[in-house]
Amino acid sequence: FYCPEKRTIIEIDGVTHDYKANYDKE
C-alpha cells in the first residue's frame, strides 16, 4: 500500500519475509 500524501508505504509482513532478509534490506 502507498499513501502519496504522506509518502508512506504500508507493508504487511508474513512468514515469507523471514527468508528474504537481504532482499528486504536492499
mmCIF file of all heavy atoms, coordinates in Angstrom:
data_MODEL
# 
_entry.id   MODEL 
# 
loop_
_atom_site.group_PDB 
_atom_site.id 
_atom_site.type_symbol 
_atom_site.label_atom_id 
_atom_site.label_alt_id 
_atom_site.label_comp_id 
_atom_site.label_asym_id 
_atom_site.label_entity_id 
_atom_site.label_seq_id 
_atom_site.pdbx_PDB_ins_code 
_atom_site.Cartn_x 
_atom_site.Cartn_y 
_atom_site.Cartn_z 
_atom_site.occupancy 
_atom_site.B_iso_or_equiv 
_atom_site.pdbx_formal_charge 
_atom_site.auth_seq_id 
_atom_site.auth_comp_id 
_atom_site.auth_asym_id 
_atom_site.auth_atom_id 
_atom_site.pdbx_PDB_model_num 
ATOM 1   N N   . PHE A 1 1  ? 0.855  -1.188  0.000  1.00 0.00 ? 1  PHE A N   1 
ATOM 2   C CA  . PHE A 1 1  ? 0.000  0.000   0.000  1.00 0.00 ? 1  PHE A CA  1 
ATOM 3   C C   . PHE A 1 1  ? 0.889  1.236   0.000  1.00 0.00 ? 1  PHE A C   1 
ATOM 4   O O   . PHE A 1 1  ? 1.946  1.249   0.632  1.00 0.00 ? 1  PHE A O   1 
ATOM 5   C CB  . PHE A 1 1  ? -0.903 0.030   1.243  1.00 0.00 ? 1  PHE A CB  1 
ATOM 6   C CG  . PHE A 1 1  ? -1.773 -1.174  1.383  1.00 0.00 ? 1  PHE A CG  1 
ATOM 7   C CD1 . PHE A 1 1  ? -1.416 -2.201  2.237  1.00 0.00 ? 1  PHE A CD1 1 
ATOM 8   C CD2 . PHE A 1 1  ? -2.942 -1.304  0.648  1.00 0.00 ? 1  PHE A CD2 1 
ATOM 9   C CE1 . PHE A 1 1  ? -2.197 -3.337  2.365  1.00 0.00 ? 1  PHE A CE1 1 
ATOM 10  C CE2 . PHE A 1 1  ? -3.733 -2.432  0.772  1.00 0.00 ? 1  PHE A CE2 1 
ATOM 11  C CZ  . PHE A 1 1  ? -3.358 -3.453  1.628  1.00 0.00 ? 1  PHE A CZ  1 
ATOM 12  N N   . TYR A 1 2  ? 0.443  2.278   -0.696 1.00 0.00 ? 2  TYR A N   1 
ATOM 13  C CA  . TYR A 1 2  ? 1.202  3.525   -0.753 1.00 0.00 ? 2  TYR A CA  1 
ATOM 14  C C   . TYR A 1 2  ? 0.264  4.697   -0.570 1.00 0.00 ? 2  TYR A C   1 
ATOM 15  O O   . TYR A 1 2  ? -0.784 4.778   -1.221 1.00 0.00 ? 2  TYR A O   1 
ATOM 16  C CB  . TYR A 1 2  ? 1.940  3.647   -2.089 1.00 0.00 ? 2  TYR A CB  1 
ATOM 17  C CG  . TYR A 1 2  ? 2.686  4.951   -2.217 1.00 0.00 ? 2  TYR A CG  1 
ATOM 18  C CD1 . TYR A 1 2  ? 3.756  5.238   -1.378 1.00 0.00 ? 2  TYR A CD1 1 
ATOM 19  C CD2 . TYR A 1 2  ? 2.303  5.902   -3.150 1.00 0.00 ? 2  TYR A CD2 1 
ATOM 20  C CE1 . TYR A 1 2  ? 4.428  6.452   -1.472 1.00 0.00 ? 2  TYR A CE1 1 
ATOM 21  C CE2 . TYR A 1 2  ? 2.969  7.103   -3.257 1.00 0.00 ? 2  TYR A CE2 1 
ATOM 22  C CZ  . TYR A 1 2  ? 4.038  7.377   -2.414 1.00 0.00 ? 2  TYR A CZ  1 
ATOM 23  O OH  . TYR A 1 2  ? 4.699  8.575   -2.514 1.00 0.00 ? 2  TYR A OH  1 
ATOM 24  N N   . CYS A 1 3  ? 0.634  5.612   0.323  1.00 0.00 ? 3  CYS A N   1 
ATOM 25  C CA  . CYS A 1 3  ? -0.124 6.838   0.570  1.00 0.00 ? 3  CYS A CA  1 
ATOM 26  C C   . CYS A 1 3  ? 0.690  8.010   0.020  1.00 0.00 ? 3  CYS A C   1 
ATOM 27  O O   . CYS A 1 3  ? 1.684  8.411   0.628  1.00 0.00 ? 3  CYS A O   1 
ATOM 28  C CB  . CYS A 1 3  ? -0.362 7.009   2.066  1.00 0.00 ? 3  CYS A CB  1 
ATOM 29  S SG  . CYS A 1 3  ? -1.223 8.550   2.463  1.00 0.00 ? 3  CYS A SG  1 
ATOM 30  N N   . PRO A 1 4  ? 0.286  8.542   -1.142 1.00 0.00 ? 4  PRO A N   1 
ATOM 31  C CA  . PRO A 1 4  ? 1.039  9.636   -1.756 1.00 0.00 ? 4  PRO A CA  1 
ATOM 32  C C   . PRO A 1 4  ? 1.146  10.885  -0.876 1.00 0.00 ? 4  PRO A C   1 
ATOM 33  O O   . PRO A 1 4  ? 2.199  11.506  -0.809 1.00 0.00 ? 4  PRO A O   1 
ATOM 34  C CB  . PRO A 1 4  ? 0.264  9.955   -3.040 1.00 0.00 ? 4  PRO A CB  1 
ATOM 35  C CG  . PRO A 1 4  ? -0.582 8.761   -3.303 1.00 0.00 ? 4  PRO A CG  1 
ATOM 36  C CD  . PRO A 1 4  ? -0.852 8.129   -1.970 1.00 0.00 ? 4  PRO A CD  1 
ATOM 37  N N   . GLU A 1 5  ? 0.052  11.236  -0.195 1.00 0.00 ? 5  GLU A N   1 
ATOM 38  C CA  . GLU A 1 5  ? 0.047  12.464  0.613  1.00 0.00 ? 5  GLU A CA  1 
ATOM 39  C C   . GLU A 1 5  ? 1.096  12.417  1.716  1.00 0.00 ? 5  GLU A C   1 
ATOM 40  O O   . GLU A 1 5  ? 1.686  13.443  2.065  1.00 0.00 ? 5  GLU A O   1 
ATOM 41  C CB  . GLU A 1 5  ? -1.324 12.709  1.249  1.00 0.00 ? 5  GLU A CB  1 
ATOM 42  C CG  . GLU A 1 5  ? -2.437 12.968  0.266  1.00 0.00 ? 5  GLU A CG  1 
ATOM 43  C CD  . GLU A 1 5  ? -3.213 11.717  -0.129 1.00 0.00 ? 5  GLU A CD  1 
ATOM 44  O OE1 . GLU A 1 5  ? -2.666 10.592  -0.043 1.00 0.00 ? 5  GLU A OE1 1 
ATOM 45  O OE2 . GLU A 1 5  ? -4.374 11.857  -0.516 1.00 0.00 ? 5  GLU A OE2 1 
ATOM 46  N N   . LYS A 1 6  ? 1.324  11.259  2.264  1.00 0.00 ? 6  LYS A N   1 
ATOM 47  C CA  . LYS A 1 6  ? 2.279  11.103  3.371  1.00 0.00 ? 6  LYS A CA  1 
ATOM 48  C C   . LYS A 1 6  ? 3.598  10.490  2.922  1.00 0.00 ? 6  LYS A C   1 
ATOM 49  O O   . LYS A 1 6  ? 4.493  10.299  3.741  1.00 0.00 ? 6  LYS A O   1 
ATOM 50  C CB  . LYS A 1 6  ? 1.670  10.234  4.479  1.00 0.00 ? 6  LYS A CB  1 
ATOM 51  C CG  . LYS A 1 6  ? 0.421  10.805  5.110  1.00 0.00 ? 6  LYS A CG  1 
ATOM 52  C CD  . LYS A 1 6  ? 0.734  12.028  5.935  1.00 0.00 ? 6  LYS A CD  1 
ATOM 53  C CE  . LYS A 1 6  ? -0.501 12.531  6.654  1.00 0.00 ? 6  LYS A CE  1 
ATOM 54  N NZ  . LYS A 1 6  ? -0.212 13.624  7.566  1.00 0.00 ? 6  LYS A NZ  1 
ATOM 55  N N   . ARG A 1 7  ? 3.692  10.161  1.617  1.00 0.00 ? 7  ARG A N   1 
ATOM 56  C CA  . ARG A 1 7  ? 4.886  9.487   1.074  1.00 0.00 ? 7  ARG A CA  1 
ATOM 57  C C   . ARG A 1 7  ? 5.266  8.296   1.960  1.00 0.00 ? 7  ARG A C   1 
ATOM 58  O O   . ARG A 1 7  ? 6.415  8.109   2.341  1.00 0.00 ? 7  ARG A O   1 
ATOM 59  C CB  . ARG A 1 7  ? 6.052  10.464  0.912  1.00 0.00 ? 7  ARG A CB  1 
ATOM 60  C CG  . ARG A 1 7  ? 5.794  11.508  -0.172 1.00 0.00 ? 7  ARG A CG  1 
ATOM 61  C CD  . ARG A 1 7  ? 6.969  12.395  -0.456 1.00 0.00 ? 7  ARG A CD  1 
ATOM 62  N NE  . ARG A 1 7  ? 8.127  11.715  -1.020 1.00 0.00 ? 7  ARG A NE  1 
ATOM 63  C CZ  . ARG A 1 7  ? 8.330  11.487  -2.318 1.00 0.00 ? 7  ARG A CZ  1 
ATOM 64  N NH1 . ARG A 1 7  ? 7.426  11.860  -3.199 1.00 0.00 ? 7  ARG A NH1 1 
ATOM 65  N NH2 . ARG A 1 7  ? 9.432  10.887  -2.734 1.00 0.00 ? 7  ARG A NH2 1 
ATOM 66  N N   . THR A 1 8  ? 4.234  7.525   2.277  1.00 0.00 ? 8  THR A N   1 
ATOM 67  C CA  . THR A 1 8  ? 4.387  6.409   3.209  1.00 0.00 ? 8  THR A CA  1 
ATOM 68  C C   . THR A 1 8  ? 3.886  5.114   2.588  1.00 0.00 ? 8  THR A C   1 
ATOM 69  O O   . THR A 1 8  ? 2.828  5.077   1.962  1.00 0.00 ? 8  THR A O   1 
ATOM 70  C CB  . THR A 1 8  ? 3.616  6.691   4.518  1.00 0.00 ? 8  THR A CB  1 
ATOM 71  O OG1 . THR A 1 8  ? 4.165  7.873   5.114  1.00 0.00 ? 8  THR A OG1 1 
ATOM 72  C CG2 . THR A 1 8  ? 3.734  5.548   5.494  1.00 0.00 ? 8  THR A CG2 1 
ATOM 73  N N   . ILE A 1 9  ? 4.662  4.068   2.825  1.00 0.00 ? 9  ILE A N   1 
ATOM 74  C CA  . ILE A 1 9  ? 4.346  2.724   2.371  1.00 0.00 ? 9  ILE A CA  1 
ATOM 75  C C   . ILE A 1 9  ? 3.898  1.915   3.576  1.00 0.00 ? 9  ILE A C   1 
ATOM 76  O O   . ILE A 1 9  ? 4.474  2.041   4.653  1.00 0.00 ? 9  ILE A O   1 
ATOM 77  C CB  . ILE A 1 9  ? 5.597  2.071   1.744  1.00 0.00 ? 9  ILE A CB  1 
ATOM 78  C CG1 . ILE A 1 9  ? 6.000  2.832   0.481  1.00 0.00 ? 9  ILE A CG1 1 
ATOM 79  C CG2 . ILE A 1 9  ? 5.390  0.590   1.480  1.00 0.00 ? 9  ILE A CG2 1 
ATOM 80  C CD1 . ILE A 1 9  ? 7.418  2.570   0.045  1.00 0.00 ? 9  ILE A CD1 1 
ATOM 81  N N   . ILE A 1 10 ? 2.882  1.076   3.385  1.00 0.00 ? 10 ILE A N   1 
ATOM 82  C CA  . ILE A 1 10 ? 2.488  0.114   4.412  1.00 0.00 ? 10 ILE A CA  1 
ATOM 83  C C   . ILE A 1 10 ? 2.750  -1.264  3.835  1.00 0.00 ? 10 ILE A C   1 
ATOM 84  O O   . ILE A 1 10 ? 2.248  -1.604  2.764  1.00 0.00 ? 10 ILE A O   1 
ATOM 85  C CB  . ILE A 1 10 ? 1.006  0.250   4.799  1.00 0.00 ? 10 ILE A CB  1 
ATOM 86  C CG1 . ILE A 1 10 ? 0.725  1.639   5.360  1.00 0.00 ? 10 ILE A CG1 1 
ATOM 87  C CG2 . ILE A 1 10 ? 0.626  -0.838  5.818  1.00 0.00 ? 10 ILE A CG2 1 
ATOM 88  C CD1 . ILE A 1 10 ? -0.762 1.916   5.617  1.00 0.00 ? 10 ILE A CD1 1 
ATOM 89  N N   . GLU A 1 11 ? 3.552  -2.029  4.550  1.00 0.00 ? 11 GLU A N   1 
ATOM 90  C CA  . GLU A 1 11 ? 3.882  -3.386  4.140  1.00 0.00 ? 11 GLU A CA  1 
ATOM 91  C C   . GLU A 1 11 ? 3.336  -4.369  5.170  1.00 0.00 ? 11 GLU A C   1 
ATOM 92  O O   . GLU A 1 11 ? 3.510  -4.161  6.372  1.00 0.00 ? 11 GLU A O   1 
ATOM 93  C CB  . GLU A 1 11 ? 5.395  -3.575  4.045  1.00 0.00 ? 11 GLU A CB  1 
ATOM 94  C CG  . GLU A 1 11 ? 6.009  -3.008  2.791  1.00 0.00 ? 11 GLU A CG  1 
ATOM 95  C CD  . GLU A 1 11 ? 5.584  -3.748  1.545  1.00 0.00 ? 11 GLU A CD  1 
ATOM 96  O OE1 . GLU A 1 11 ? 5.746  -4.973  1.476  1.00 0.00 ? 11 GLU A OE1 1 
ATOM 97  O OE2 . GLU A 1 11 ? 5.083  -3.091  0.623  1.00 0.00 ? 11 GLU A OE2 1 
ATOM 98  N N   . ILE A 1 12 ? 2.678  -5.395  4.694  1.00 0.00 ? 12 ILE A N   1 
ATOM 99  C CA  . ILE A 1 12 ? 2.214  -6.463  5.566  1.00 0.00 ? 12 ILE A CA  1 
ATOM 100 C C   . ILE A 1 12 ? 3.246  -7.576  5.491  1.00 0.00 ? 12 ILE A C   1 
ATOM 101 O O   . ILE A 1 12 ? 3.493  -8.134  4.424  1.00 0.00 ? 12 ILE A O   1 
ATOM 102 C CB  . ILE A 1 12 ? 0.824  -6.974  5.156  1.00 0.00 ? 12 ILE A CB  1 
ATOM 103 C CG1 . ILE A 1 12 ? -0.187 -5.832  5.256  1.00 0.00 ? 12 ILE A CG1 1 
ATOM 104 C CG2 . ILE A 1 12 ? 0.415  -8.151  6.044  1.00 0.00 ? 12 ILE A CG2 1 
ATOM 105 C CD1 . ILE A 1 12 ? -1.567 -6.189  4.800  1.00 0.00 ? 12 ILE A CD1 1 
ATOM 106 N N   . ASP A 1 13 ? 3.857  -7.856  6.623  1.00 0.00 ? 13 ASP A N   1 
ATOM 107 C CA  . ASP A 1 13 ? 4.931  -8.841  6.678  1.00 0.00 ? 13 ASP A CA  1 
ATOM 108 C C   . ASP A 1 13 ? 4.425  -10.165 7.225  1.00 0.00 ? 13 ASP A C   1 
ATOM 109 O O   . ASP A 1 13 ? 3.968  -10.246 8.361  1.00 0.00 ? 13 ASP A O   1 
ATOM 110 C CB  . ASP A 1 13 ? 6.079  -8.340  7.557  1.00 0.00 ? 13 ASP A CB  1 
ATOM 111 C CG  . ASP A 1 13 ? 6.774  -7.117  6.979  1.00 0.00 ? 13 ASP A CG  1 
ATOM 112 O OD1 . ASP A 1 13 ? 6.639  -6.884  5.764  1.00 0.00 ? 13 ASP A OD1 1 
ATOM 113 O OD2 . ASP A 1 13 ? 7.450  -6.408  7.740  1.00 0.00 ? 13 ASP A OD2 1 
ATOM 114 N N   . GLY A 1 14 ? 4.521  -11.183 6.389  1.00 0.00 ? 14 GLY A N   1 
ATOM 115 C CA  . GLY A 1 14 ? 4.159  -12.535 6.787  1.00 0.00 ? 14 GLY A CA  1 
ATOM 116 C C   . GLY A 1 14 ? 5.398  -13.389 6.929  1.00 0.00 ? 14 GLY A C   1 
ATOM 117 O O   . GLY A 1 14 ? 6.533  -12.881 6.944  1.00 0.00 ? 14 GLY A O   1 
ATOM 118 N N   . VAL A 1 15 ? 5.220  -14.677 6.997  1.00 0.00 ? 15 VAL A N   1 
ATOM 119 C CA  . VAL A 1 15 ? 6.349  -15.590 7.207  1.00 0.00 ? 15 VAL A CA  1 
ATOM 120 C C   . VAL A 1 15 ? 7.331  -15.592 6.042  1.00 0.00 ? 15 VAL A C   1 
ATOM 121 O O   . VAL A 1 15 ? 8.504  -15.887 6.241  1.00 0.00 ? 15 VAL A O   1 
ATOM 122 C CB  . VAL A 1 15 ? 5.872  -17.040 7.484  1.00 0.00 ? 15 VAL A CB  1 
ATOM 123 C CG1 . VAL A 1 15 ? 5.158  -17.126 8.807  1.00 0.00 ? 15 VAL A CG1 1 
ATOM 124 C CG2 . VAL A 1 15 ? 5.013  -17.552 6.364  1.00 0.00 ? 15 VAL A CG2 1 
ATOM 125 N N   . THR A 1 16 ? 6.908  -15.238 4.843  1.00 0.00 ? 16 THR A N   1 
ATOM 126 C CA  . THR A 1 16 ? 7.833  -15.237 3.705  1.00 0.00 ? 16 THR A CA  1 
ATOM 127 C C   . THR A 1 16 ? 8.962  -14.232 3.903  1.00 0.00 ? 16 THR A C   1 
ATOM 128 O O   . THR A 1 16 ? 10.050 -14.407 3.367  1.00 0.00 ? 16 THR A O   1 
ATOM 129 C CB  . THR A 1 16 ? 7.116  -14.926 2.379  1.00 0.00 ? 16 THR A CB  1 
ATOM 130 O OG1 . THR A 1 16 ? 6.508  -13.641 2.470  1.00 0.00 ? 16 THR A OG1 1 
ATOM 131 C CG2 . THR A 1 16 ? 6.085  -15.989 2.058  1.00 0.00 ? 16 THR A CG2 1 
ATOM 132 N N   . HIS A 1 17 ? 8.724  -13.190 4.677  1.00 0.00 ? 17 HIS A N   1 
ATOM 133 C CA  . HIS A 1 17 ? 9.759  -12.184 4.915  1.00 0.00 ? 17 HIS A CA  1 
ATOM 134 C C   . HIS A 1 17 ? 10.896 -12.732 5.776  1.00 0.00 ? 17 HIS A C   1 
ATOM 135 O O   . HIS A 1 17 ? 12.002 -12.190 5.766  1.00 0.00 ? 17 HIS A O   1 
ATOM 136 C CB  . HIS A 1 17 ? 9.161  -10.920 5.541  1.00 0.00 ? 17 HIS A CB  1 
ATOM 137 C CG  . HIS A 1 17 ? 8.343  -10.134 4.573  1.00 0.00 ? 17 HIS A CG  1 
ATOM 138 N ND1 . HIS A 1 17 ? 8.873  -9.142  3.790  1.00 0.00 ? 17 HIS A ND1 1 
ATOM 139 C CD2 . HIS A 1 17 ? 7.041  -10.215 4.241  1.00 0.00 ? 17 HIS A CD2 1 
ATOM 140 C CE1 . HIS A 1 17 ? 7.927  -8.641  3.015  1.00 0.00 ? 17 HIS A CE1 1 
ATOM 141 N NE2 . HIS A 1 17 ? 6.801  -9.272  3.272  1.00 0.00 ? 17 HIS A NE2 1 
ATOM 142 N N   . ASP A 1 18 ? 10.636 -13.812 6.497  1.00 0.00 ? 18 ASP A N   1 
ATOM 143 C CA  . ASP A 1 18 ? 11.676 -14.427 7.316  1.00 0.00 ? 18 ASP A CA  1 
ATOM 144 C C   . ASP A 1 18 ? 12.811 -14.974 6.460  1.00 0.00 ? 18 ASP A C   1 
ATOM 145 O O   . ASP A 1 18 ? 13.933 -15.124 6.927  1.00 0.00 ? 18 ASP A O   1 
ATOM 146 C CB  . ASP A 1 18 ? 11.096 -15.574 8.160  1.00 0.00 ? 18 ASP A CB  1 
ATOM 147 C CG  . ASP A 1 18 ? 10.079 -15.090 9.177  1.00 0.00 ? 18 ASP A CG  1 
ATOM 148 O OD1 . ASP A 1 18 ? 10.049 -13.874 9.468  1.00 0.00 ? 18 ASP A OD1 1 
ATOM 149 O OD2 . ASP A 1 18 ? 9.302  -15.924 9.673  1.00 0.00 ? 18 ASP A OD2 1 
ATOM 150 N N   . TYR A 1 19 ? 12.533 -15.265 5.204  1.00 0.00 ? 19 TYR A N   1 
ATOM 151 C CA  . TYR A 1 19 ? 13.511 -15.880 4.324  1.00 0.00 ? 19 TYR A CA  1 
ATOM 152 C C   . TYR A 1 19 ? 14.094 -14.908 3.306  1.00 0.00 ? 19 TYR A C   1 
ATOM 153 O O   . TYR A 1 19 ? 14.859 -15.322 2.443  1.00 0.00 ? 19 TYR A O   1 
ATOM 154 C CB  . TYR A 1 19 ? 12.875 -17.076 3.596  1.00 0.00 ? 19 TYR A CB  1 
ATOM 155 C CG  . TYR A 1 19 ? 12.223 -18.038 4.550  1.00 0.00 ? 19 TYR A CG  1 
ATOM 156 C CD1 . TYR A 1 19 ? 10.845 -18.067 4.707  1.00 0.00 ? 19 TYR A CD1 1 
ATOM 157 C CD2 . TYR A 1 19 ? 12.991 -18.903 5.324  1.00 0.00 ? 19 TYR A CD2 1 
ATOM 158 C CE1 . TYR A 1 19 ? 10.245 -18.945 5.601  1.00 0.00 ? 19 TYR A CE1 1 
ATOM 159 C CE2 . TYR A 1 19 ? 12.402 -19.783 6.223  1.00 0.00 ? 19 TYR A CE2 1 
ATOM 160 C CZ  . TYR A 1 19 ? 11.029 -19.791 6.359  1.00 0.00 ? 19 TYR A CZ  1 
ATOM 161 O OH  . TYR A 1 19 ? 10.444 -20.644 7.251  1.00 0.00 ? 19 TYR A OH  1 
ATOM 162 N N   . LYS A 1 20 ? 13.712 -13.635 3.385  1.00 0.00 ? 20 LYS A N   1 
ATOM 163 C CA  . LYS A 1 20 ? 14.152 -12.656 2.391  1.00 0.00 ? 20 LYS A CA  1 
ATOM 164 C C   . LYS A 1 20 ? 14.813 -11.449 3.044  1.00 0.00 ? 20 LYS A C   1 
ATOM 165 O O   . LYS A 1 20 ? 14.649 -10.332 2.591  1.00 0.00 ? 20 LYS A O   1 
ATOM 166 C CB  . LYS A 1 20 ? 12.967 -12.162 1.570  1.00 0.00 ? 20 LYS A CB  1 
ATOM 167 C CG  . LYS A 1 20 ? 12.092 -13.201 0.970  1.00 0.00 ? 20 LYS A CG  1 
ATOM 168 C CD  . LYS A 1 20 ? 11.036 -12.624 0.049  1.00 0.00 ? 20 LYS A CD  1 
ATOM 169 C CE  . LYS A 1 20 ? 10.243 -11.488 0.634  1.00 0.00 ? 20 LYS A CE  1 
ATOM 170 N NZ  . LYS A 1 20 ? 9.190  -10.990 -0.218 1.00 0.00 ? 20 LYS A NZ  1 
ATOM 171 N N   . ALA A 1 21 ? 15.563 -11.651 4.096  1.00 0.00 ? 21 ALA A N   1 
ATOM 172 C CA  . ALA A 1 21 ? 16.131 -10.534 4.862  1.00 0.00 ? 21 ALA A CA  1 
ATOM 173 C C   . ALA A 1 21 ? 17.002 -9.620  3.999  1.00 0.00 ? 21 ALA A C   1 
ATOM 174 O O   . ALA A 1 21 ? 16.870 -8.391  4.067  1.00 0.00 ? 21 ALA A O   1 
ATOM 175 C CB  . ALA A 1 21 ? 16.916 -11.055 6.050  1.00 0.00 ? 21 ALA A CB  1 
ATOM 176 N N   . ASN A 1 22 ? 17.879 -10.176 3.178  1.00 0.00 ? 22 ASN A N   1 
ATOM 177 C CA  . ASN A 1 22 ? 18.754 -9.349  2.343  1.00 0.00 ? 22 ASN A CA  1 
ATOM 178 C C   . ASN A 1 22 ? 17.962 -8.564  1.307  1.00 0.00 ? 22 ASN A C   1 
ATOM 179 O O   . ASN A 1 22 ? 18.213 -7.382  1.086  1.00 0.00 ? 22 ASN A O   1 
ATOM 180 C CB  . ASN A 1 22 ? 19.822 -10.205 1.657  1.00 0.00 ? 22 ASN A CB  1 
ATOM 181 C CG  . ASN A 1 22 ? 20.860 -10.707 2.631  1.00 0.00 ? 22 ASN A CG  1 
ATOM 182 O OD1 . ASN A 1 22 ? 21.058 -10.125 3.696  1.00 0.00 ? 22 ASN A OD1 1 
ATOM 183 N ND2 . ASN A 1 22 ? 21.522 -11.788 2.276  1.00 0.00 ? 22 ASN A ND2 1 
ATOM 184 N N   . TYR A 1 23 ? 17.013 -9.220  0.668  1.00 0.00 ? 23 TYR A N   1 
ATOM 185 C CA  . TYR A 1 23 ? 16.160 -8.552  -0.321 1.00 0.00 ? 23 TYR A CA  1 
ATOM 186 C C   . TYR A 1 23 ? 15.385 -7.413  0.338  1.00 0.00 ? 23 TYR A C   1 
ATOM 187 O O   . TYR A 1 23 ? 15.335 -6.299  -0.192 1.00 0.00 ? 23 TYR A O   1 
ATOM 188 C CB  . TYR A 1 23 ? 15.194 -9.571  -0.933 1.00 0.00 ? 23 TYR A CB  1 
ATOM 189 C CG  . TYR A 1 23 ? 14.139 -8.962  -1.824 1.00 0.00 ? 23 TYR A CG  1 
ATOM 190 C CD1 . TYR A 1 23 ? 14.410 -8.689  -3.162 1.00 0.00 ? 23 TYR A CD1 1 
ATOM 191 C CD2 . TYR A 1 23 ? 12.864 -8.660  -1.331 1.00 0.00 ? 23 TYR A CD2 1 
ATOM 192 C CE1 . TYR A 1 23 ? 13.441 -8.134  -3.986 1.00 0.00 ? 23 TYR A CE1 1 
ATOM 193 C CE2 . TYR A 1 23 ? 11.900 -8.103  -2.147 1.00 0.00 ? 23 TYR A CE2 1 
ATOM 194 C CZ  . TYR A 1 23 ? 12.181 -7.835  -3.477 1.00 0.00 ? 23 TYR A CZ  1 
ATOM 195 O OH  . TYR A 1 23 ? 11.227 -7.278  -4.274 1.00 0.00 ? 23 TYR A OH  1 
ATOM 196 N N   . ASP A 1 24 ? 14.795 -7.693  1.491  1.00 0.00 ? 24 ASP A N   1 
ATOM 197 C CA  . ASP A 1 24 ? 14.015 -6.670  2.198  1.00 0.00 ? 24 ASP A CA  1 
ATOM 198 C C   . ASP A 1 24 ? 14.881 -5.488  2.611  1.00 0.00 ? 24 ASP A C   1 
ATOM 199 O O   . ASP A 1 24 ? 14.446 -4.341  2.544  1.00 0.00 ? 24 ASP A O   1 
ATOM 200 C CB  . ASP A 1 24 ? 13.319 -7.274  3.420  1.00 0.00 ? 24 ASP A CB  1 
ATOM 201 C CG  . ASP A 1 24 ? 12.122 -8.132  3.054  1.00 0.00 ? 24 ASP A CG  1 
ATOM 202 O OD1 . ASP A 1 24 ? 11.656 -8.065  1.897  1.00 0.00 ? 24 ASP A OD1 1 
ATOM 203 O OD2 . ASP A 1 24 ? 11.639 -8.881  3.928  1.00 0.00 ? 24 ASP A OD2 1 
ATOM 204 N N   . LYS A 1 25 ? 16.106 -5.768  3.020  1.00 0.00 ? 25 LYS A N   1 
ATOM 205 C CA  . LYS A 1 25 ? 17.014 -4.692  3.437  1.00 0.00 ? 25 LYS A CA  1 
ATOM 206 C C   . LYS A 1 25 ? 17.362 -3.794  2.254  1.00 0.00 ? 25 LYS A C   1 
ATOM 207 O O   . LYS A 1 25 ? 17.313 -2.567  2.360  1.00 0.00 ? 25 LYS A O   1 
ATOM 208 C CB  . LYS A 1 25 ? 18.281 -5.283  4.060  1.00 0.00 ? 25 LYS A CB  1 
ATOM 209 C CG  . LYS A 1 25 ? 19.226 -4.242  4.599  1.00 0.00 ? 25 LYS A CG  1 
ATOM 210 C CD  . LYS A 1 25 ? 20.433 -4.876  5.261  1.00 0.00 ? 25 LYS A CD  1 
ATOM 211 C CE  . LYS A 1 25 ? 21.359 -3.802  5.791  1.00 0.00 ? 25 LYS A CE  1 
ATOM 212 N NZ  . LYS A 1 25 ? 22.536 -4.379  6.428  1.00 0.00 ? 25 LYS A NZ  1 
ATOM 213 N N   . GLU A 1 26 ? 17.713 -4.399  1.119  1.00 0.00 ? 26 GLU A N   1 
ATOM 214 C CA  . GLU A 1 26 ? 18.025 -3.624  -0.089 1.00 0.00 ? 26 GLU A CA  1 
ATOM 215 C C   . GLU A 1 26 ? 16.829 -2.782  -0.522 1.00 0.00 ? 26 GLU A C   1 
ATOM 216 O O   . GLU A 1 26 ? 16.966 -1.619  -0.893 1.00 0.00 ? 26 GLU A O   1 
ATOM 217 C CB  . GLU A 1 26 ? 18.422 -4.552  -1.233 1.00 0.00 ? 26 GLU A CB  1 
ATOM 218 C CG  . GLU A 1 26 ? 19.785 -5.164  -1.092 1.00 0.00 ? 26 GLU A CG  1 
ATOM 219 C CD  . GLU A 1 26 ? 20.104 -6.117  -2.237 1.00 0.00 ? 26 GLU A CD  1 
ATOM 220 O OE1 . GLU A 1 26 ? 19.489 -6.008  -3.321 1.00 0.00 ? 26 GLU A OE1 1 
ATOM 221 O OE2 . GLU A 1 26 ? 20.977 -6.983  -2.039 1.00 0.00 ? 26 GLU A OE2 1 
# 
